[in-house]
Amino acid sequence: MMAAVFLLAPTGQTKASSAENIRGWAYNSTYGYISFNCLDDGFAGRFPFTFPFTFNIAPCSYNQHGVNLGADDNFSGNAWNSVLGFITFDSTSTPPDISYRAHCENTCDSSNSCTACYRESDESVYGYMRIVSTGEWIKLDNHNVSPSVSITNYQAPQPGIFSGYATTTFGTISFNCQDDNVCGTNNYEVKIGPLEIRQMVAPNWNASSACSIAANRAVLKWNRRSGTQSAYQVIVSTANSTSTGVIADSGKVLNSATQFSLSTAYDTPYYWFLRLWDDADVATPWRQFNLSGTKDWISDNYSENLAKSPNPSLTFTTYKHEFPHSLFTWTPNEIVIATTTNSFVSGSTYYDNSNNQISCGSVACKFKWTTSDARATILAPTKATTSIMFTKAANTSVTLISTDNDNYSCATSTVLNVNYALPLWKEIKPTN
C-alpha cells in the first residue's frame, strides 16, 4: 500500500488552488468530505483510507482541484471526494433540468460549460454539479429539501458563507456543519475564501444631506463579497490613476469601516480606487469603481454623472453648486381657522455656478406649498407667495419645497397652531 501511495502521480485536472476562490469542505454521510479547494486538503484526506502517520507533502501536489465563483456569479472548476473522484461545474453535458438558467443573471449554459450560478438577490444557488466518473448530477436547488444551497450576500454581516443541502441518489450533501448541529465535533464549511470587494458606491450626499450640510461632500461606500476586513485604503483622483491627479489618499487605515467621506470641488468628475486588508494583513488587489457590468452604483446625481463625466462608467460627478436654502414667513402670527387672510411668503435663496447666494424669484426657482391639513385650501400652491385657508384647529405643518433651475430641491417645514377665532362679544349692563 505504501509503494502505491508514492507511485501516485498528479492528475491532469488543472483547475486548482489559489486561482479559485471557494474554500472548505461539504459532507455526505455515505462518502464523507467533499473538498472544494486542494489548498485545504490534508494528505490523508485525499484517499479513501487513512494513515497512522502524517506526510509533509504540499497541498495541491495530488488531485489538484478548485472551484471558482466568478464576478458573473457563475460557478466553474472541480471539487474532489476520495471515493467519488472529481465533481465538476465544467460539464459539456446538459443537466437534466435547465429551468435553473432563468435565475442566472448572466449566461450560464453549454456555451460556457456552466451548470450552476448564484443569485445574490435571494442568496440562492441554482443548478447542478456532476460526478465525472459516473455522470450523476447533484442538484443544488432542490427546494423540496429545506434549505437548499445558499450563500450569504454582500449585505450580510458575514458574506460568502454557504449553507443548506444538495441532493443526490446517495443522500444529501451538507455545506455547513451548523445546519446539522455537529460543529465542534465535525467541523466543515464551504465559503468564498479570500477577502473580496463586491460593491463600491459613489454617492454625493443625498438631497436631504446636501440641503443641511454641503453639496461638495462625497461619501464613498463599499461592501465585501467575502472575508473579514481589518483595514482599508481609498484613493480619489481626477485622473484614471492611483498616482496622478490624486486629491485624497487615506493611506492604510486600520479599521473595519465601510465608508470614506471627503470634500470635493463642485461639478467635477472623480475616479476612485479601493483596497482592503484581511485579518491576516493580506491586501486585496486595487479595485476601481466601475458602473459597467458590476454591482457598483451611484446613489444620487446620476444624470449629471452621465452628462459630465468623460467616462461615466468609471467616475462619479459632484454637484454643480450648493442646494437652495428654503425659507418662508407668514402673517398673521396667530393662524385662525376658516379664514383666507393667512399669507405665506417665500424667503428662499439659490446658488449660481459660482456659488453666489441669490434671492429666489419666479424665474430662478420653482415652489411647492403643502400642508398636513388634507382639506386646507392653498390658493397658489406653486407661487412664491400664497394664502392658505385651514379647515381644522390643530397643530398643522406647512412645507415649502424650493427648486432651482438645476432641479436641486430643498424643503422646510413649520408646525403652526391653528385656532378657532374668538367669538364676538360686547358688554351688556345687567338689568333690574
Protein backbone atom coordinates (compact mmCIF):
# COMPACT_ATOMS: atom_id res chain seq x y z
CA MET A 1 0.00 0.00 0.00
CA MET A 2 2.83 2.40 0.86
CA ALA A 3 4.51 1.93 -2.51
CA ALA A 4 1.23 2.53 -4.29
CA VAL A 5 0.89 5.82 -2.48
CA PHE A 6 4.23 7.15 -3.63
CA LEU A 7 3.66 5.99 -7.20
CA LEU A 8 0.56 8.16 -7.49
CA ALA A 9 1.05 10.95 -9.99
CA PRO A 10 -0.66 14.33 -10.10
CA THR A 11 -3.84 14.23 -12.12
CA GLY A 12 -4.42 16.09 -15.35
CA GLN A 13 -7.03 18.33 -13.71
CA THR A 14 -5.66 21.86 -13.86
CA LYS A 15 -8.33 23.86 -12.00
CA ALA A 16 -6.63 24.47 -8.73
CA SER A 17 -5.78 26.20 -5.51
CA SER A 18 -5.36 29.95 -5.16
CA ALA A 19 -6.75 30.66 -8.64
CA GLU A 20 -10.15 29.52 -7.34
CA ASN A 21 -11.93 31.38 -4.58
CA ILE A 22 -14.15 28.72 -2.99
CA ARG A 23 -12.68 27.07 0.09
CA GLY A 24 -13.58 24.38 2.57
CA TRP A 25 -15.49 21.13 2.74
CA ALA A 26 -19.01 19.79 2.31
CA TYR A 27 -20.09 16.48 3.85
CA ASN A 28 -22.10 13.40 2.88
CA SER A 29 -22.83 10.66 5.41
CA THR A 30 -22.07 7.92 2.84
CA TYR A 31 -18.91 9.19 1.14
CA GLY A 32 -17.54 11.68 3.64
CA TYR A 33 -15.95 15.03 2.84
CA ILE A 34 -16.05 16.83 -0.48
CA SER A 35 -13.18 19.28 -0.88
CA PHE A 36 -13.73 22.48 -2.87
CA ASN A 37 -10.07 23.53 -2.93
CA CYS A 38 -6.96 21.38 -2.68
CA LEU A 39 -5.30 24.08 -0.54
CA ASP A 40 -7.48 22.79 2.30
CA ASP A 41 -6.59 19.10 1.83
CA GLY A 42 -4.59 17.13 4.32
CA PHE A 43 -2.62 14.42 2.52
CA ALA A 44 -4.54 11.55 4.08
CA GLY A 45 -7.82 13.24 3.26
CA ARG A 46 -7.19 12.72 -0.45
CA PHE A 47 -7.60 8.96 -0.27
CA PRO A 48 -10.37 6.54 0.80
CA PHE A 49 -8.10 5.12 3.51
CA THR A 50 -6.27 6.63 6.45
CA PHE A 51 -2.64 6.70 7.54
CA PRO A 52 -1.19 6.18 11.04
CA PHE A 53 1.33 8.97 10.38
CA THR A 54 1.49 12.30 8.56
CA PHE A 55 3.23 13.31 5.35
CA ASN A 56 4.97 16.62 4.67
CA ILE A 57 3.58 17.00 1.17
CA ALA A 58 2.40 20.41 -0.01
CA PRO A 59 -1.30 20.88 -0.66
CA CYS A 60 -2.34 20.51 -4.31
CA SER A 61 0.53 18.10 -5.02
CA TYR A 62 -2.05 15.44 -5.90
CA ASN A 63 -5.62 15.61 -7.15
CA GLN A 64 -5.30 19.27 -7.94
CA HIS A 65 -8.73 20.89 -7.84
CA GLY A 66 -10.60 24.07 -7.02
CA VAL A 67 -13.98 25.73 -7.52
CA ASN A 68 -14.46 29.36 -8.51
CA LEU A 69 -17.42 31.72 -8.24
CA GLY A 70 -16.72 34.37 -10.87
CA ALA A 71 -17.65 38.03 -10.94
CA ASP A 72 -20.56 36.96 -13.17
CA ASP A 73 -21.83 34.75 -10.29
CA ASN A 74 -21.31 31.55 -12.32
CA PHE A 75 -19.50 28.52 -10.90
CA SER A 76 -16.59 26.75 -12.57
CA GLY A 77 -13.93 24.22 -11.67
CA ASN A 78 -13.84 20.91 -9.79
CA ALA A 79 -14.43 19.62 -6.28
CA TRP A 80 -12.98 16.32 -5.05
CA ASN A 81 -14.10 13.34 -2.98
CA SER A 82 -11.73 10.49 -2.17
CA VAL A 83 -14.30 7.86 -3.28
CA LEU A 84 -16.30 9.63 -5.98
CA GLY A 85 -13.35 11.46 -7.50
CA PHE A 86 -13.84 14.79 -9.28
CA ILE A 87 -17.16 16.59 -9.08
CA THR A 88 -17.29 19.27 -11.77
CA PHE A 89 -19.03 22.54 -12.59
CA ASP A 90 -17.46 22.47 -16.07
CA SER A 91 -19.63 19.90 -17.79
CA THR A 92 -20.23 19.79 -21.52
CA SER A 93 -23.28 17.60 -20.83
CA THR A 94 -26.70 19.16 -20.39
CA PRO A 95 -28.18 18.95 -16.89
CA PRO A 96 -31.48 17.05 -16.57
CA ASP A 97 -33.43 20.25 -15.90
CA ILE A 98 -32.37 23.59 -17.37
CA SER A 99 -35.03 25.75 -15.70
CA TYR A 100 -32.33 26.99 -13.29
CA ARG A 101 -30.90 29.14 -16.11
CA ALA A 102 -33.78 31.59 -15.74
CA HIS A 103 -32.41 32.54 -12.31
CA CYS A 104 -28.87 33.27 -13.53
CA GLU A 105 -28.10 36.95 -14.02
CA ASN A 106 -25.53 36.14 -16.71
CA THR A 107 -25.34 33.40 -19.34
CA CYS A 108 -24.89 30.02 -17.68
CA ASP A 109 -25.28 27.20 -20.22
CA SER A 110 -23.34 24.90 -22.54
CA SER A 111 -21.81 27.88 -24.34
CA ASN A 112 -19.56 28.49 -21.33
CA SER A 113 -19.77 24.97 -19.82
CA CYS A 114 -21.69 26.40 -16.87
CA THR A 115 -24.03 24.24 -14.82
CA ALA A 116 -24.65 26.39 -11.73
CA CYS A 117 -24.97 30.04 -10.73
CA TYR A 118 -25.58 32.19 -7.68
CA ARG A 119 -28.28 34.86 -7.43
CA GLU A 120 -27.44 37.44 -4.80
CA SER A 121 -30.94 38.90 -4.56
CA ASP A 122 -32.28 35.78 -2.84
CA GLU A 123 -28.88 34.34 -1.74
CA SER A 124 -29.66 31.11 -3.60
CA VAL A 125 -27.53 28.74 -5.68
CA TYR A 126 -29.21 27.31 -8.78
CA GLY A 127 -28.25 24.39 -11.00
CA TYR A 128 -26.11 21.27 -10.72
CA MET A 129 -22.65 19.84 -10.26
CA ARG A 130 -21.71 16.48 -11.84
CA ILE A 131 -19.71 13.44 -10.70
CA VAL A 132 -17.20 12.93 -13.51
CA SER A 133 -16.69 9.18 -13.04
CA THR A 134 -20.38 8.20 -13.03
CA GLY A 135 -22.05 11.12 -14.81
CA GLU A 136 -24.50 11.58 -11.93
CA TRP A 137 -25.92 15.05 -11.45
CA ILE A 138 -26.07 16.62 -7.98
CA LYS A 139 -28.91 19.12 -7.65
CA LEU A 140 -28.11 22.32 -5.73
CA ASP A 141 -31.52 23.99 -5.76
CA ASN A 142 -33.90 21.25 -4.68
CA HIS A 143 -36.43 23.31 -2.76
CA ASN A 144 -38.09 20.14 -1.53
CA VAL A 145 -35.07 20.00 0.76
CA SER A 146 -35.10 22.68 3.42
CA PRO A 147 -32.96 24.59 2.94
CA SER A 148 -31.34 24.16 -0.47
CA VAL A 149 -27.85 25.55 -1.08
CA SER A 150 -27.41 29.28 -0.41
CA ILE A 151 -24.63 31.83 0.15
CA THR A 152 -24.86 34.92 2.34
CA ASN A 153 -24.65 38.02 0.14
CA TYR A 154 -22.68 41.26 0.45
CA GLN A 155 -25.32 42.82 2.71
CA ALA A 156 -24.84 40.16 5.39
CA PRO A 157 -22.52 40.71 8.39
CA GLN A 158 -20.55 37.62 7.30
CA PRO A 159 -20.86 37.41 3.49
CA GLY A 160 -19.74 34.47 1.39
CA ILE A 161 -20.82 31.65 3.74
CA PHE A 162 -22.51 28.58 2.20
CA SER A 163 -25.28 26.67 3.92
CA GLY A 164 -28.04 24.20 3.03
CA TYR A 165 -28.16 20.88 1.22
CA ALA A 166 -27.65 19.46 -2.26
CA THR A 167 -29.49 16.26 -3.21
CA THR A 168 -28.16 13.03 -4.75
CA THR A 169 -29.15 9.37 -5.10
CA PHE A 170 -26.92 8.62 -2.10
CA GLY A 171 -28.41 11.24 0.22
CA THR A 172 -27.95 14.93 0.86
CA ILE A 173 -24.69 16.84 0.87
CA SER A 174 -24.43 19.37 3.68
CA PHE A 175 -22.48 22.58 3.04
CA ASN A 176 -22.26 23.78 6.65
CA CYS A 177 -21.91 21.88 9.91
CA GLN A 178 -24.21 24.39 11.62
CA ASP A 179 -27.14 23.04 9.60
CA ASP A 180 -26.56 19.61 11.13
CA ASN A 181 -25.68 20.91 14.62
CA VAL A 182 -22.38 19.00 14.55
CA CYS A 183 -19.91 21.90 14.66
CA GLY A 184 -17.27 21.27 17.30
CA THR A 185 -17.16 17.53 16.64
CA ASN A 186 -17.38 17.55 12.84
CA ASN A 187 -16.36 20.98 11.61
CA TYR A 188 -16.87 21.65 7.92
CA GLU A 189 -17.97 24.66 5.93
CA VAL A 190 -17.86 25.87 2.35
CA LYS A 191 -17.24 29.59 1.83
CA ILE A 192 -15.80 32.16 -0.52
CA GLY A 193 -12.33 32.06 0.93
CA PRO A 194 -10.33 35.24 0.30
CA LEU A 195 -11.42 38.75 1.17
CA GLU A 196 -13.18 40.20 -1.88
CA ILE A 197 -14.74 43.59 -2.61
CA ARG A 198 -18.19 43.13 -4.12
CA GLN A 199 -19.71 46.59 -4.37
CA MET A 200 -18.46 50.16 -4.46
CA VAL A 201 -20.94 53.02 -4.16
CA ALA A 202 -20.05 56.57 -5.23
CA PRO A 203 -22.72 58.90 -3.88
CA ASN A 204 -22.69 62.52 -3.12
CA TRP A 205 -24.63 63.42 -0.04
CA ASN A 206 -28.23 62.69 -0.92
CA ALA A 207 -30.53 65.66 -1.36
CA SER A 208 -31.58 65.93 2.28
CA SER A 209 -27.94 65.83 3.40
CA ALA A 210 -26.85 68.32 0.73
CA CYS A 211 -29.55 70.70 1.97
CA SER A 212 -28.41 70.56 5.57
CA ILE A 213 -24.63 70.08 5.29
CA ALA A 214 -22.86 70.78 1.98
CA ALA A 215 -23.19 69.71 -1.64
CA ASN A 216 -19.44 69.39 -2.17
CA ARG A 217 -19.21 66.42 0.16
CA ALA A 218 -18.87 62.89 -1.18
CA VAL A 219 -19.35 59.66 0.74
CA LEU A 220 -17.75 56.59 -0.82
CA LYS A 221 -19.06 53.23 0.41
CA TRP A 222 -18.26 49.58 -0.18
CA ASN A 223 -19.40 46.07 0.66
CA ARG A 224 -17.43 42.83 0.91
CA ARG A 225 -18.32 39.72 -1.03
CA SER A 226 -16.46 37.57 1.49
CA GLY A 227 -13.83 37.55 4.20
CA THR A 228 -13.08 39.84 7.14
CA GLN A 229 -11.76 43.38 6.74
CA SER A 230 -9.10 44.73 9.09
CA ALA A 231 -8.00 47.83 7.13
CA TYR A 232 -8.74 49.87 4.01
CA GLN A 233 -7.20 52.42 1.68
CA VAL A 234 -9.13 54.83 -0.56
CA ILE A 235 -7.62 56.94 -3.35
CA VAL A 236 -9.66 59.60 -5.17
CA SER A 237 -8.23 61.18 -8.29
CA THR A 238 -9.13 63.50 -11.15
CA ALA A 239 -7.19 61.12 -13.44
CA ASN A 240 -7.71 57.43 -14.07
CA SER A 241 -4.72 56.64 -11.89
CA THR A 242 -3.72 55.93 -8.29
CA SER A 243 -0.68 58.20 -8.63
CA THR A 244 -1.70 61.10 -10.91
CA GLY A 245 -4.26 63.77 -10.05
CA VAL A 246 -4.78 62.37 -6.55
CA ILE A 247 -6.88 64.67 -4.34
CA ALA A 248 -7.34 62.24 -1.44
CA ASP A 249 -5.36 59.25 -0.22
CA SER A 250 -6.49 57.79 3.08
CA GLY A 251 -3.38 55.65 3.42
CA LYS A 252 -3.79 52.32 5.17
CA VAL A 253 -6.46 52.84 7.83
CA LEU A 254 -6.68 50.11 10.48
CA ASN A 255 -10.44 49.96 10.67
CA SER A 256 -13.36 47.83 9.54
CA ALA A 257 -15.33 50.91 8.42
CA THR A 258 -17.16 50.65 5.11
CA GLN A 259 -17.27 54.30 4.04
CA PHE A 260 -14.96 57.25 3.50
CA SER A 261 -16.02 60.92 3.39
CA LEU A 262 -14.24 63.82 1.72
CA SER A 263 -14.75 67.36 0.46
CA THR A 264 -14.52 67.83 -3.30
CA ALA A 265 -14.68 70.54 -5.91
CA TYR A 266 -18.07 71.25 -7.43
CA ASP A 267 -19.13 69.95 -10.83
CA THR A 268 -16.11 67.68 -11.20
CA PRO A 269 -15.77 64.01 -12.18
CA TYR A 270 -13.57 61.84 -9.96
CA TYR A 271 -12.15 58.34 -10.17
CA TRP A 272 -11.81 56.30 -7.02
CA PHE A 273 -9.92 53.17 -6.02
CA LEU A 274 -10.17 50.86 -3.05
CA ARG A 275 -8.21 48.04 -1.50
CA LEU A 276 -8.81 46.15 1.74
CA TRP A 277 -6.70 44.08 4.13
CA ASP A 278 -7.96 40.86 5.69
CA ASP A 279 -7.46 39.60 9.26
CA ALA A 280 -4.10 38.10 8.23
CA ASP A 281 -3.00 41.53 6.93
CA VAL A 282 -3.11 40.37 3.30
CA ALA A 283 -4.25 43.08 0.87
CA THR A 284 -6.73 42.67 -1.95
CA PRO A 285 -5.78 43.99 -5.38
CA TRP A 286 -6.80 47.57 -6.10
CA ARG A 287 -10.40 47.68 -7.29
CA GLN A 288 -11.70 50.64 -9.29
CA PHE A 289 -15.23 51.97 -9.11
CA ASN A 290 -16.90 50.92 -12.34
CA LEU A 291 -20.59 51.07 -13.20
CA SER A 292 -20.22 48.87 -16.26
CA GLY A 293 -21.17 45.25 -15.65
CA THR A 294 -20.63 45.32 -11.88
CA LYS A 295 -22.62 45.76 -8.69
CA ASP A 296 -21.24 49.31 -8.35
CA TRP A 297 -23.72 52.15 -8.44
CA ILE A 298 -24.26 55.86 -7.94
CA SER A 299 -26.81 56.60 -5.25
CA ASP A 300 -27.52 60.19 -6.31
CA ASN A 301 -26.67 62.78 -9.01
CA TYR A 302 -26.86 60.04 -11.63
CA SER A 303 -27.98 62.14 -14.60
CA GLU A 304 -25.24 64.72 -14.04
CA ASN A 305 -22.70 61.92 -13.77
CA LEU A 306 -23.68 60.67 -17.23
CA ALA A 307 -23.65 64.17 -18.71
CA LYS A 308 -20.46 65.48 -17.15
CA SER A 309 -18.09 62.55 -16.81
CA PRO A 310 -15.66 61.82 -19.64
CA ASN A 311 -16.04 58.15 -18.77
CA PRO A 312 -19.23 57.76 -16.71
CA SER A 313 -18.67 54.05 -16.16
CA LEU A 314 -15.51 54.80 -14.20
CA THR A 315 -16.29 58.06 -12.39
CA PHE A 316 -18.68 59.86 -10.12
CA THR A 317 -19.50 63.55 -10.56
CA THR A 318 -20.13 66.06 -7.80
CA TYR A 319 -22.98 68.54 -7.69
CA LYS A 320 -22.68 71.82 -9.62
CA HIS A 321 -23.18 74.06 -6.60
CA GLU A 322 -24.89 74.28 -3.24
CA PHE A 323 -28.57 73.45 -2.94
CA PRO A 324 -31.22 76.15 -2.41
CA HIS A 325 -31.97 77.36 1.09
CA SER A 326 -35.71 77.05 1.65
CA LEU A 327 -37.35 79.58 3.99
CA PHE A 328 -40.73 81.25 4.48
CA THR A 329 -42.58 83.62 6.79
CA TRP A 330 -46.29 84.07 7.45
CA THR A 331 -48.79 86.62 8.73
CA PRO A 332 -50.61 86.93 10.98
CA ASN A 333 -48.57 85.07 13.59
CA GLU A 334 -51.78 83.67 15.07
CA ILE A 335 -53.42 81.46 12.46
CA VAL A 336 -57.22 81.30 12.57
CA ILE A 337 -59.35 78.50 11.15
CA ALA A 338 -61.55 79.10 8.10
CA THR A 339 -60.09 82.46 7.06
CA THR A 340 -58.15 83.32 3.91
CA THR A 341 -56.07 86.06 5.47
CA ASN A 342 -53.16 83.73 6.26
CA SER A 343 -50.35 84.88 3.99
CA PHE A 344 -47.20 82.79 3.40
CA VAL A 345 -44.17 84.36 1.71
CA SER A 346 -41.05 82.57 0.48
CA GLY A 347 -37.70 83.93 1.56
CA SER A 348 -35.78 81.17 -0.22
CA THR A 349 -32.38 81.61 -1.86
CA TYR A 350 -30.50 79.66 -4.52
CA TYR A 351 -26.86 79.40 -5.67
CA ASP A 352 -25.40 80.10 -9.09
CA ASN A 353 -22.49 78.19 -10.64
CA SER A 354 -20.04 80.40 -8.77
CA ASN A 355 -21.83 79.55 -5.52
CA ASN A 356 -23.15 83.06 -5.02
CA GLN A 357 -26.27 83.02 -2.85
CA ILE A 358 -29.14 84.84 -4.60
CA SER A 359 -32.73 85.52 -3.62
CA CYS A 360 -35.16 83.20 -5.37
CA GLY A 361 -37.55 84.61 -7.93
CA SER A 362 -40.23 83.12 -10.15
CA VAL A 363 -37.66 82.65 -12.94
CA ALA A 364 -34.80 81.25 -10.88
CA CYS A 365 -36.85 78.98 -8.60
CA LYS A 366 -39.95 76.84 -8.54
CA PHE A 367 -42.10 76.46 -5.44
CA LYS A 368 -44.45 73.90 -3.98
CA TRP A 369 -46.55 74.52 -0.86
CA THR A 370 -48.20 71.65 1.03
CA THR A 371 -49.86 71.20 4.41
CA SER A 372 -50.73 68.31 6.70
CA ASP A 373 -54.33 69.57 6.75
CA ALA A 374 -55.62 67.47 3.85
CA ARG A 375 -58.65 69.71 3.30
CA ALA A 376 -56.82 73.02 3.56
CA THR A 377 -57.16 75.34 0.56
CA ILE A 378 -53.85 76.61 -0.84
CA LEU A 379 -54.72 79.42 -3.21
CA ALA A 380 -51.40 79.48 -5.12
CA PRO A 381 -49.50 76.26 -4.37
CA THR A 382 -46.69 76.94 -6.89
CA LYS A 383 -46.12 80.66 -6.30
CA ALA A 384 -43.59 82.42 -4.08
CA THR A 385 -46.45 83.93 -2.09
CA THR A 386 -49.70 82.20 -1.26
CA SER A 387 -52.64 82.21 1.13
CA ILE A 388 -53.87 79.14 2.95
CA MET A 389 -57.28 78.54 4.49
CA PHE A 390 -57.20 75.84 7.15
CA THR A 391 -60.18 73.63 8.00
CA LYS A 392 -59.40 72.32 11.46
CA ALA A 393 -58.00 73.59 14.71
CA ALA A 394 -54.86 71.56 15.35
CA ASN A 395 -51.09 71.62 15.15
CA THR A 396 -50.64 71.69 11.38
CA SER A 397 -47.40 71.61 9.40
CA VAL A 398 -46.77 73.79 6.36
CA THR A 399 -43.99 72.75 3.96
CA LEU A 400 -42.29 74.71 1.20
CA ILE A 401 -40.13 72.95 -1.38
CA SER A 402 -37.87 75.31 -3.33
CA THR A 403 -36.27 74.05 -6.56
CA ASP A 404 -33.62 75.86 -8.59
CA ASN A 405 -33.04 75.74 -12.35
CA ASP A 406 -30.76 72.71 -11.98
CA ASN A 407 -33.60 70.83 -10.26
CA TYR A 408 -31.86 70.84 -6.90
CA SER A 409 -34.56 70.92 -4.24
CA CYS A 410 -34.70 71.58 -0.52
CA ALA A 411 -37.67 71.69 1.81
CA THR A 412 -38.51 73.39 5.06
CA SER A 413 -41.48 72.76 7.35
CA THR A 414 -43.04 74.64 10.25
CA VAL A 415 -45.74 73.44 12.63
CA LEU A 416 -48.43 76.04 13.25
CA ASN A 417 -51.06 76.10 15.98
CA VAL A 418 -54.31 76.74 14.13
CA ASN A 419 -57.06 78.03 16.46
CA TYR A 420 -60.74 78.94 16.27
CA ALA A 421 -61.47 82.63 16.07
CA LEU A 422 -62.60 84.20 19.34
CA PRO A 423 -66.38 84.86 19.43
CA LEU A 424 -67.62 88.39 19.01
CA TRP A 425 -68.97 89.82 22.27
CA LYS A 426 -69.97 93.07 23.88
CA GLU A 427 -70.54 94.13 27.43
CA ILE A 428 -74.21 94.49 28.40
CA LYS A 429 -75.36 96.19 31.57
CA PRO A 430 -77.33 93.95 33.81
CA THR A 431 -80.99 94.83 34.12
CA ASN A 432 -83.01 95.00 37.32
